[in-house]
All heavy atoms as atom14 arrays in JSON, in Angstrom:
{
  "sequence": "LITRGALTTFSVANDLAKYFAILPAMFAAIYPQLGGLNVMRLATPE",
  "atom14_mask": [
    [1, 1, 1, 1, 1, 1, 1, 1, 0, 0, 0, 0, 0, 0],
    [1, 1, 1, 1, 1, 1, 1, 1, 0, 0, 0, 0, 0, 0],
    [1, 1, 1, 1, 1, 1, 1, 0, 0, 0, 0, 0, 0, 0],
    [1, 1, 1, 1, 1, 1, 1, 1, 1, 1, 1, 0, 0, 0],
    [1, 1, 1, 1, 0, 0, 0, 0, 0, 0, 0, 0, 0, 0],
    [1, 1, 1, 1, 1, 0, 0, 0, 0, 0, 0, 0, 0, 0],
    [1, 1, 1, 1, 1, 1, 1, 1, 0, 0, 0, 0, 0, 0],
    [1, 1, 1, 1, 1, 1, 1, 0, 0, 0, 0, 0, 0, 0],
    [1, 1, 1, 1, 1, 1, 1, 0, 0, 0, 0, 0, 0, 0],
    [1, 1, 1, 1, 1, 1, 1, 1, 1, 1, 1, 0, 0, 0],
    [1, 1, 1, 1, 1, 1, 0, 0, 0, 0, 0, 0, 0, 0],
    [1, 1, 1, 1, 1, 1, 1, 0, 0, 0, 0, 0, 0, 0],
    [1, 1, 1, 1, 1, 0, 0, 0, 0, 0, 0, 0, 0, 0],
    [1, 1, 1, 1, 1, 1, 1, 1, 0, 0, 0, 0, 0, 0],
    [1, 1, 1, 1, 1, 1, 1, 1, 0, 0, 0, 0, 0, 0],
    [1, 1, 1, 1, 1, 1, 1, 1, 0, 0, 0, 0, 0, 0],
    [1, 1, 1, 1, 1, 0, 0, 0, 0, 0, 0, 0, 0, 0],
    [1, 1, 1, 1, 1, 1, 1, 1, 1, 0, 0, 0, 0, 0],
    [1, 1, 1, 1, 1, 1, 1, 1, 1, 1, 1, 1, 0, 0],
    [1, 1, 1, 1, 1, 1, 1, 1, 1, 1, 1, 0, 0, 0],
    [1, 1, 1, 1, 1, 0, 0, 0, 0, 0, 0, 0, 0, 0],
    [1, 1, 1, 1, 1, 1, 1, 1, 0, 0, 0, 0, 0, 0],
    [1, 1, 1, 1, 1, 1, 1, 1, 0, 0, 0, 0, 0, 0],
    [1, 1, 1, 1, 1, 1, 1, 0, 0, 0, 0, 0, 0, 0],
    [1, 1, 1, 1, 1, 0, 0, 0, 0, 0, 0, 0, 0, 0],
    [1, 1, 1, 1, 1, 1, 1, 1, 0, 0, 0, 0, 0, 0],
    [1, 1, 1, 1, 1, 1, 1, 1, 1, 1, 1, 0, 0, 0],
    [1, 1, 1, 1, 1, 0, 0, 0, 0, 0, 0, 0, 0, 0],
    [1, 1, 1, 1, 1, 0, 0, 0, 0, 0, 0, 0, 0, 0],
    [1, 1, 1, 1, 1, 1, 1, 1, 0, 0, 0, 0, 0, 0],
    [1, 1, 1, 1, 1, 1, 1, 1, 1, 1, 1, 1, 0, 0],
    [1, 1, 1, 1, 1, 1, 1, 0, 0, 0, 0, 0, 0, 0],
    [1, 1, 1, 1, 1, 1, 1, 1, 1, 0, 0, 0, 0, 0],
    [1, 1, 1, 1, 1, 1, 1, 1, 0, 0, 0, 0, 0, 0],
    [1, 1, 1, 1, 0, 0, 0, 0, 0, 0, 0, 0, 0, 0],
    [1, 1, 1, 1, 0, 0, 0, 0, 0, 0, 0, 0, 0, 0],
    [1, 1, 1, 1, 1, 1, 1, 1, 0, 0, 0, 0, 0, 0],
    [1, 1, 1, 1, 1, 1, 1, 1, 0, 0, 0, 0, 0, 0],
    [1, 1, 1, 1, 1, 1, 1, 0, 0, 0, 0, 0, 0, 0],
    [1, 1, 1, 1, 1, 1, 1, 1, 0, 0, 0, 0, 0, 0],
    [1, 1, 1, 1, 1, 1, 1, 1, 1, 1, 1, 0, 0, 0],
    [1, 1, 1, 1, 1, 1, 1, 1, 0, 0, 0, 0, 0, 0],
    [1, 1, 1, 1, 1, 0, 0, 0, 0, 0, 0, 0, 0, 0],
    [1, 1, 1, 1, 1, 1, 1, 0, 0, 0, 0, 0, 0, 0],
    [1, 1, 1, 1, 1, 1, 1, 0, 0, 0, 0, 0, 0, 0],
    [1, 1, 1, 1, 1, 1, 1, 1, 1, 0, 0, 0, 0, 0]
  ],
  "atom14_positions": [
    [[0.82, -1.21, 0.0], [0.0, 0.0, 0.0], [0.86, 1.26, 0.0], [0.55, 2.24, -0.69], [-0.93, 0.0, 1.22], [-1.97, -1.13, 1.28], [-2.78, -1.03, 2.56], [-2.88, -1.09, 0.06], [0.0, 0.0, 0.0], [0.0, 0.0, 0.0], [0.0, 0.0, 0.0], [0.0, 0.0, 0.0], [0.0, 0.0, 0.0], [0.0, 0.0, 0.0]],
    [[1.95, 1.24, 0.77], [2.82, 2.41, 0.85], [3.52, 2.64, -0.49], [3.67, 3.78, -0.94], [3.84, 2.23, 1.98], [3.12, 2.31, 3.33], [4.93, 3.28, 1.92], [3.97, 1.88, 4.49], [0.0, 0.0, 0.0], [0.0, 0.0, 0.0], [0.0, 0.0, 0.0], [0.0, 0.0, 0.0], [0.0, 0.0, 0.0], [0.0, 0.0, 0.0]],
    [[3.96, 1.56, -1.13], [4.61, 1.69, -2.44], [3.67, 2.31, -3.45], [4.04, 3.22, -4.21], [5.09, 0.31, -2.93], [6.01, -0.24, -1.99], [5.77, 0.42, -4.29], [0.0, 0.0, 0.0], [0.0, 0.0, 0.0], [0.0, 0.0, 0.0], [0.0, 0.0, 0.0], [0.0, 0.0, 0.0], [0.0, 0.0, 0.0], [0.0, 0.0, 0.0]],
    [[2.44, 1.82, -3.48], [1.45, 2.36, -4.43], [1.18, 3.83, -4.13], [1.12, 4.66, -5.04], [0.16, 1.55, -4.35], [-0.85, 1.91, -5.42], [-2.12, 1.12, -5.21], [-1.89, -0.3, -5.41], [-2.59, -1.25, -4.8], [-3.54, -0.93, -3.94], [-2.36, -2.52, -5.05], [0.0, 0.0, 0.0], [0.0, 0.0, 0.0], [0.0, 0.0, 0.0]],
    [[1.03, 4.17, -2.84], [0.77, 5.56, -2.48], [1.95, 6.47, -2.79], [1.77, 7.6, -3.27], [0.0, 0.0, 0.0], [0.0, 0.0, 0.0], [0.0, 0.0, 0.0], [0.0, 0.0, 0.0], [0.0, 0.0, 0.0], [0.0, 0.0, 0.0], [0.0, 0.0, 0.0], [0.0, 0.0, 0.0], [0.0, 0.0, 0.0], [0.0, 0.0, 0.0]],
    [[3.17, 5.98, -2.52], [4.37, 6.79, -2.75], [4.54, 7.09, -4.23], [4.82, 8.24, -4.62], [5.6, 6.07, -2.21], [0.0, 0.0, 0.0], [0.0, 0.0, 0.0], [0.0, 0.0, 0.0], [0.0, 0.0, 0.0], [0.0, 0.0, 0.0], [0.0, 0.0, 0.0], [0.0, 0.0, 0.0], [0.0, 0.0, 0.0], [0.0, 0.0, 0.0]],
    [[4.38, 6.08, -5.09], [4.58, 6.3, -6.52], [3.44, 7.1, -7.13], [3.64, 7.82, -8.11], [4.74, 4.95, -7.23], [6.03, 4.2, -6.88], [6.15, 2.92, -7.67], [7.25, 5.09, -7.12], [0.0, 0.0, 0.0], [0.0, 0.0, 0.0], [0.0, 0.0, 0.0], [0.0, 0.0, 0.0], [0.0, 0.0, 0.0], [0.0, 0.0, 0.0]],
    [[2.24, 7.0, -6.55], [1.14, 7.85, -7.01], [1.44, 9.31, -6.68], [1.24, 10.21, -7.51], [-0.19, 7.43, -6.36], [-0.47, 6.07, -6.7], [-1.33, 8.3, -6.85], [0.0, 0.0, 0.0], [0.0, 0.0, 0.0], [0.0, 0.0, 0.0], [0.0, 0.0, 0.0], [0.0, 0.0, 0.0], [0.0, 0.0, 0.0], [0.0, 0.0, 0.0]],
    [[1.93, 9.55, -5.47], [2.31, 10.91, -5.06], [3.39, 11.45, -5.99], [3.31, 12.59, -6.46], [2.83, 10.91, -3.61], [1.81, 10.39, -2.76], [3.2, 12.3, -3.17], [0.0, 0.0, 0.0], [0.0, 0.0, 0.0], [0.0, 0.0, 0.0], [0.0, 0.0, 0.0], [0.0, 0.0, 0.0], [0.0, 0.0, 0.0], [0.0, 0.0, 0.0]],
    [[4.39, 10.65, -6.28], [5.48, 11.08, -7.16], [4.96, 11.37, -8.56], [5.33, 12.37, -9.19], [6.56, 9.99, -7.22], [7.78, 10.39, -8.02], [8.86, 11.0, -7.41], [7.84, 10.15, -9.38], [9.97, 11.36, -8.13], [8.95, 10.52, -10.12], [10.02, 11.13, -9.5], [0.0, 0.0, 0.0], [0.0, 0.0, 0.0], [0.0, 0.0, 0.0]],
    [[4.08, 10.51, -9.07], [3.57, 10.66, -10.43], [2.79, 11.96, -10.6], [2.96, 12.68, -11.58], [2.67, 9.47, -10.78], [2.12, 9.61, -12.07], [0.0, 0.0, 0.0], [0.0, 0.0, 0.0], [0.0, 0.0, 0.0], [0.0, 0.0, 0.0], [0.0, 0.0, 0.0], [0.0, 0.0, 0.0], [0.0, 0.0, 0.0], [0.0, 0.0, 0.0]],
    [[1.94, 12.27, -9.62], [1.14, 13.49, -9.7], [2.04, 14.72, -9.53], [1.89, 15.72, -10.23], [0.03, 13.48, -8.63], [-0.7, 14.81, -8.61], [-0.96, 12.34, -8.92], [0.0, 0.0, 0.0], [0.0, 0.0, 0.0], [0.0, 0.0, 0.0], [0.0, 0.0, 0.0], [0.0, 0.0, 0.0], [0.0, 0.0, 0.0], [0.0, 0.0, 0.0]],
    [[3.03, 14.63, -8.6], [3.88, 15.78, -8.32], [4.8, 16.12, -9.49], [5.07, 17.3, -9.75], [4.72, 15.52, -7.07], [0.0, 0.0, 0.0], [0.0, 0.0, 0.0], [0.0, 0.0, 0.0], [0.0, 0.0, 0.0], [0.0, 0.0, 0.0], [0.0, 0.0, 0.0], [0.0, 0.0, 0.0], [0.0, 0.0, 0.0], [0.0, 0.0, 0.0]],
    [[5.27, 15.09, -10.23], [6.26, 15.41, -11.26], [5.65, 16.04, -12.51], [6.37, 16.41, -13.44], [7.12, 14.19, -11.61], [6.43, 13.18, -12.5], [5.58, 13.49, -13.33], [6.81, 11.93, -12.36], [0.0, 0.0, 0.0], [0.0, 0.0, 0.0], [0.0, 0.0, 0.0], [0.0, 0.0, 0.0], [0.0, 0.0, 0.0], [0.0, 0.0, 0.0]],
    [[4.31, 16.18, -12.55], [3.69, 16.87, -13.68], [3.96, 18.37, -13.65], [3.88, 19.05, -14.68], [2.17, 16.64, -13.69], [1.82, 15.24, -14.15], [2.66, 14.6, -14.79], [0.7, 14.78, -13.85], [0.0, 0.0, 0.0], [0.0, 0.0, 0.0], [0.0, 0.0, 0.0], [0.0, 0.0, 0.0], [0.0, 0.0, 0.0], [0.0, 0.0, 0.0]],
    [[4.28, 18.91, -12.46], [4.44, 20.35, -12.33], [5.54, 20.88, -13.24], [5.36, 21.9, -13.93], [4.75, 20.71, -10.87], [4.91, 22.2, -10.56], [3.62, 22.95, -10.85], [5.32, 22.39, -9.1], [0.0, 0.0, 0.0], [0.0, 0.0, 0.0], [0.0, 0.0, 0.0], [0.0, 0.0, 0.0], [0.0, 0.0, 0.0], [0.0, 0.0, 0.0]],
    [[6.67, 20.2, -13.27], [7.79, 20.68, -14.09], [7.43, 20.67, -15.57], [7.94, 21.5, -16.34], [9.02, 19.81, -13.84], [0.0, 0.0, 0.0], [0.0, 0.0, 0.0], [0.0, 0.0, 0.0], [0.0, 0.0, 0.0], [0.0, 0.0, 0.0], [0.0, 0.0, 0.0], [0.0, 0.0, 0.0], [0.0, 0.0, 0.0], [0.0, 0.0, 0.0]],
    [[6.56, 19.76, -15.98], [6.2, 19.67, -17.4], [5.37, 20.87, -17.84], [5.42, 21.29, -18.99], [5.46, 18.36, -17.65], [6.31, 17.13, -17.31], [5.48, 15.87, -17.26], [6.28, 14.73, -16.65], [5.47, 13.53, -16.43], [0.0, 0.0, 0.0], [0.0, 0.0, 0.0], [0.0, 0.0, 0.0], [0.0, 0.0, 0.0], [0.0, 0.0, 0.0]],
    [[4.62, 21.47, -16.9], [3.92, 22.71, -17.21], [4.94, 23.8, -17.57], [4.76, 24.56, -18.52], [3.1, 23.19, -16.01], [1.81, 22.42, -15.79], [1.74, 21.44, -14.81], [0.68, 22.69, -16.54], [0.57, 20.74, -14.58], [-0.5, 22.0, -16.32], [-0.55, 21.03, -15.33], [-1.72, 20.34, -15.12], [0.0, 0.0, 0.0], [0.0, 0.0, 0.0]],
    [[6.01, 23.86, -16.75], [7.02, 24.89, -16.96], [7.83, 24.62, -18.22], [8.53, 25.52, -18.7], [7.95, 24.97, -15.75], [7.34, 25.63, -14.55], [6.58, 24.91, -13.65], [7.51, 26.99, -14.35], [6.02, 25.52, -12.55], [6.95, 27.62, -13.25], [6.19, 26.88, -12.35], [0.0, 0.0, 0.0], [0.0, 0.0, 0.0], [0.0, 0.0, 0.0]],
    [[7.76, 23.41, -18.75], [8.49, 23.09, -19.98], [7.63, 23.32, -21.23], [8.05, 24.0, -22.17], [8.98, 21.65, -19.93], [0.0, 0.0, 0.0], [0.0, 0.0, 0.0], [0.0, 0.0, 0.0], [0.0, 0.0, 0.0], [0.0, 0.0, 0.0], [0.0, 0.0, 0.0], [0.0, 0.0, 0.0], [0.0, 0.0, 0.0], [0.0, 0.0, 0.0]],
    [[6.41, 22.76, -21.23], [5.62, 22.73, -22.47], [4.79, 23.99, -22.67], [4.69, 24.51, -23.78], [4.74, 21.47, -22.49], [5.64, 20.22, -22.56], [3.81, 21.49, -23.69], [4.89, 18.92, -22.65], [0.0, 0.0, 0.0], [0.0, 0.0, 0.0], [0.0, 0.0, 0.0], [0.0, 0.0, 0.0], [0.0, 0.0, 0.0], [0.0, 0.0, 0.0]],
    [[4.17, 24.51, -21.61], [3.29, 25.68, -21.79], [4.05, 26.9, -22.33], [3.57, 27.57, -23.26], [2.58, 26.01, -20.49], [1.5, 24.99, -20.07], [0.83, 25.43, -18.77], [0.45, 24.81, -21.16], [0.0, 0.0, 0.0], [0.0, 0.0, 0.0], [0.0, 0.0, 0.0], [0.0, 0.0, 0.0], [0.0, 0.0, 0.0], [0.0, 0.0, 0.0]],
    [[5.25, 27.23, -21.81], [5.99, 28.34, -22.44], [6.35, 28.05, -23.9], [6.32, 28.95, -24.74], [7.26, 28.45, -21.58], [6.89, 27.86, -20.28], [5.94, 26.75, -20.6], [0.0, 0.0, 0.0], [0.0, 0.0, 0.0], [0.0, 0.0, 0.0], [0.0, 0.0, 0.0], [0.0, 0.0, 0.0], [0.0, 0.0, 0.0], [0.0, 0.0, 0.0]],
    [[6.67, 26.77, -24.19], [7.01, 26.42, -25.56], [5.83, 26.61, -26.5], [5.99, 26.98, -27.67], [7.5, 24.97, -25.61], [0.0, 0.0, 0.0], [0.0, 0.0, 0.0], [0.0, 0.0, 0.0], [0.0, 0.0, 0.0], [0.0, 0.0, 0.0], [0.0, 0.0, 0.0], [0.0, 0.0, 0.0], [0.0, 0.0, 0.0], [0.0, 0.0, 0.0]],
    [[4.62, 26.38, -25.99], [3.43, 26.47, -26.83], [2.98, 27.92, -27.04], [2.56, 28.29, -28.14], [2.28, 25.67, -26.19], [2.5, 24.17, -26.18], [1.18, 23.3, -25.28], [-0.25, 23.72, -26.28], [0.0, 0.0, 0.0], [0.0, 0.0, 0.0], [0.0, 0.0, 0.0], [0.0, 0.0, 0.0], [0.0, 0.0, 0.0], [0.0, 0.0, 0.0]],
    [[3.08, 28.76, -26.03], [2.41, 30.05, -26.08], [3.34, 31.26, -25.9], [2.87, 32.4, -25.92], [1.32, 30.12, -25.01], [0.21, 29.13, -25.24], [0.08, 28.02, -24.42], [-0.68, 29.31, -26.28], [-0.93, 27.1, -24.63], [-1.71, 28.4, -26.49], [-1.83, 27.29, -25.66], [0.0, 0.0, 0.0], [0.0, 0.0, 0.0], [0.0, 0.0, 0.0]],
    [[4.64, 31.03, -25.69], [5.53, 32.18, -25.46], [5.58, 33.1, -26.67], [5.75, 34.32, -26.53], [6.93, 31.7, -25.1], [0.0, 0.0, 0.0], [0.0, 0.0, 0.0], [0.0, 0.0, 0.0], [0.0, 0.0, 0.0], [0.0, 0.0, 0.0], [0.0, 0.0, 0.0], [0.0, 0.0, 0.0], [0.0, 0.0, 0.0], [0.0, 0.0, 0.0]],
    [[5.42, 32.53, -27.87], [5.45, 33.36, -29.08], [4.24, 34.28, -29.14], [4.31, 35.39, -29.68], [5.49, 32.47, -30.32], [0.0, 0.0, 0.0], [0.0, 0.0, 0.0], [0.0, 0.0, 0.0], [0.0, 0.0, 0.0], [0.0, 0.0, 0.0], [0.0, 0.0, 0.0], [0.0, 0.0, 0.0], [0.0, 0.0, 0.0], [0.0, 0.0, 0.0]],
    [[3.09, 33.8, -28.58], [1.87, 34.61, -28.59], [1.85, 35.57, -27.41], [1.53, 36.75, -27.53], [0.62, 33.7, -28.56], [0.7, 32.66, -29.69], [-0.65, 34.51, -28.65], [-0.36, 31.59, -29.58], [0.0, 0.0, 0.0], [0.0, 0.0, 0.0], [0.0, 0.0, 0.0], [0.0, 0.0, 0.0], [0.0, 0.0, 0.0], [0.0, 0.0, 0.0]],
    [[2.22, 35.01, -26.25], [2.25, 35.81, -25.02], [3.67, 35.77, -24.46], [4.04, 34.85, -23.71], [1.27, 35.25, -23.98], [-0.17, 35.27, -24.44], [-0.8, 34.1, -24.86], [-0.89, 36.46, -24.45], [-2.12, 34.13, -25.29], [-2.21, 36.49, -24.88], [-2.82, 35.32, -25.3], [-4.12, 35.35, -25.73], [0.0, 0.0, 0.0], [0.0, 0.0, 0.0]],
    [[4.49, 36.73, -24.83], [5.88, 36.73, -24.38], [6.04, 36.67, -22.87], [7.06, 36.21, -22.36], [6.43, 38.05, -24.94], [5.53, 38.37, -26.1], [4.17, 37.87, -25.72], [0.0, 0.0, 0.0], [0.0, 0.0, 0.0], [0.0, 0.0, 0.0], [0.0, 0.0, 0.0], [0.0, 0.0, 0.0], [0.0, 0.0, 0.0], [0.0, 0.0, 0.0]],
    [[5.0, 37.14, -22.15], [5.08, 37.1, -20.69], [5.27, 35.68, -20.16], [5.84, 35.46, -19.08], [3.82, 37.7, -20.06], [3.55, 39.14, -20.46], [2.67, 39.24, -21.69], [2.72, 38.35, -22.57], [1.89, 40.31, -21.78], [0.0, 0.0, 0.0], [0.0, 0.0, 0.0], [0.0, 0.0, 0.0], [0.0, 0.0, 0.0], [0.0, 0.0, 0.0]],
    [[4.75, 34.67, -20.93], [4.88, 33.28, -20.5], [6.32, 32.78, -20.55], [6.64, 31.72, -20.03], [3.98, 32.37, -21.35], [2.47, 32.53, -21.14], [1.7, 31.62, -22.1], [2.09, 32.2, -19.71], [0.0, 0.0, 0.0], [0.0, 0.0, 0.0], [0.0, 0.0, 0.0], [0.0, 0.0, 0.0], [0.0, 0.0, 0.0], [0.0, 0.0, 0.0]],
    [[7.19, 33.54, -21.23], [8.59, 33.15, -21.26], [9.21, 33.12, -19.88], [10.19, 32.4, -19.65], [0.0, 0.0, 0.0], [0.0, 0.0, 0.0], [0.0, 0.0, 0.0], [0.0, 0.0, 0.0], [0.0, 0.0, 0.0], [0.0, 0.0, 0.0], [0.0, 0.0, 0.0], [0.0, 0.0, 0.0], [0.0, 0.0, 0.0], [0.0, 0.0, 0.0]],
    [[8.61, 33.86, -18.94], [9.12, 33.83, -17.57], [8.94, 32.49, -16.9], [9.6, 32.19, -15.89], [0.0, 0.0, 0.0], [0.0, 0.0, 0.0], [0.0, 0.0, 0.0], [0.0, 0.0, 0.0], [0.0, 0.0, 0.0], [0.0, 0.0, 0.0], [0.0, 0.0, 0.0], [0.0, 0.0, 0.0], [0.0, 0.0, 0.0], [0.0, 0.0, 0.0]],
    [[8.03, 31.66, -17.42], [7.82, 30.32, -16.86], [8.93, 29.35, -17.24], [9.04, 28.27, -16.66], [6.47, 29.76, -17.32], [5.21, 30.47, -16.83], [3.95, 29.82, -17.42], [5.15, 30.45, -15.3], [0.0, 0.0, 0.0], [0.0, 0.0, 0.0], [0.0, 0.0, 0.0], [0.0, 0.0, 0.0], [0.0, 0.0, 0.0], [0.0, 0.0, 0.0]],
    [[9.74, 29.73, -18.22], [10.82, 28.85, -18.66], [12.0, 28.95, -17.68], [13.09, 29.39, -18.02], [11.26, 29.24, -20.08], [12.29, 28.27, -20.65], [12.49, 27.17, -20.12], [12.96, 28.69, -21.71], [0.0, 0.0, 0.0], [0.0, 0.0, 0.0], [0.0, 0.0, 0.0], [0.0, 0.0, 0.0], [0.0, 0.0, 0.0], [0.0, 0.0, 0.0]],
    [[11.74, 28.52, -16.45], [12.75, 28.65, -15.39], [13.93, 27.72, -15.63], [15.02, 27.93, -15.07], [12.12, 28.37, -14.02], [11.07, 29.41, -13.67], [11.52, 26.96, -13.96], [0.0, 0.0, 0.0], [0.0, 0.0, 0.0], [0.0, 0.0, 0.0], [0.0, 0.0, 0.0], [0.0, 0.0, 0.0], [0.0, 0.0, 0.0], [0.0, 0.0, 0.0]],
    [[13.73, 26.68, -16.44], [14.82, 25.74, -16.71], [15.7, 26.22, -17.86], [16.69, 25.58, -18.19], [14.25, 24.35, -17.02], [13.63, 23.66, -15.84], [12.81, 22.09, -16.25], [11.23, 22.69, -16.88], [0.0, 0.0, 0.0], [0.0, 0.0, 0.0], [0.0, 0.0, 0.0], [0.0, 0.0, 0.0], [0.0, 0.0, 0.0], [0.0, 0.0, 0.0]],
    [[15.29, 27.36, -18.49], [16.01, 27.93, -19.61], [16.25, 26.88, -20.71], [17.38, 26.68, -21.17], [17.35, 28.53, -19.14], [17.17, 29.72, -18.21], [16.51, 30.87, -18.94], [16.33, 32.03, -18.08], [15.16, 32.38, -17.52], [14.09, 31.62, -17.74], [15.06, 33.45, -16.76], [0.0, 0.0, 0.0], [0.0, 0.0, 0.0], [0.0, 0.0, 0.0]],
    [[15.18, 26.22, -21.11], [15.25, 25.23, -22.18], [15.51, 25.95, -23.5], [15.01, 27.05, -23.73], [13.96, 24.43, -22.22], [13.58, 23.75, -20.89], [12.28, 22.98, -21.02], [14.7, 22.84, -20.4], [0.0, 0.0, 0.0], [0.0, 0.0, 0.0], [0.0, 0.0, 0.0], [0.0, 0.0, 0.0], [0.0, 0.0, 0.0], [0.0, 0.0, 0.0]],
    [[16.28, 25.32, -24.39], [16.84, 26.0, -25.56], [15.78, 26.51, -26.53], [15.75, 27.69, -26.86], [17.81, 25.05, -26.28], [0.0, 0.0, 0.0], [0.0, 0.0, 0.0], [0.0, 0.0, 0.0], [0.0, 0.0, 0.0], [0.0, 0.0, 0.0], [0.0, 0.0, 0.0], [0.0, 0.0, 0.0], [0.0, 0.0, 0.0], [0.0, 0.0, 0.0]],
    [[14.91, 25.63, -26.99], [13.91, 26.0, -28.0], [12.58, 25.35, -27.64], [12.53, 24.41, -26.82], [14.34, 25.52, -29.4], [14.36, 24.07, -29.4], [15.72, 26.05, -29.77], [0.0, 0.0, 0.0], [0.0, 0.0, 0.0], [0.0, 0.0, 0.0], [0.0, 0.0, 0.0], [0.0, 0.0, 0.0], [0.0, 0.0, 0.0], [0.0, 0.0, 0.0]],
    [[11.48, 25.81, -28.24], [10.2, 25.14, -28.0], [10.25, 23.65, -28.33], [9.69, 22.82, -27.62], [9.23, 25.9, -28.91], [9.83, 27.27, -29.03], [11.31, 27.05, -29.04], [0.0, 0.0, 0.0], [0.0, 0.0, 0.0], [0.0, 0.0, 0.0], [0.0, 0.0, 0.0], [0.0, 0.0, 0.0], [0.0, 0.0, 0.0], [0.0, 0.0, 0.0]],
    [[10.94, 23.31, -29.44], [11.02, 21.9, -29.83], [11.81, 21.08, -28.8], [11.42, 19.96, -28.42], [11.69, 21.76, -31.21], [10.85, 22.22, -32.37], [10.86, 23.75, -32.51], [11.67, 24.4, -31.81], [10.04, 24.26, -33.3], [0.0, 0.0, 0.0], [0.0, 0.0, 0.0], [0.0, 0.0, 0.0], [0.0, 0.0, 0.0], [0.0, 0.0, 0.0]]
  ]
}
């Protein structure tokens, strides 16, 4: 039970970083303000 709960917690939590990766890549060209979400300083949208 603890293993299932721990990995579920990890799975849900690790989605946060993906927001900071994909959403700026999708909309930074339209809304430059979203470029501030690129805290990881990823090279290009692709």
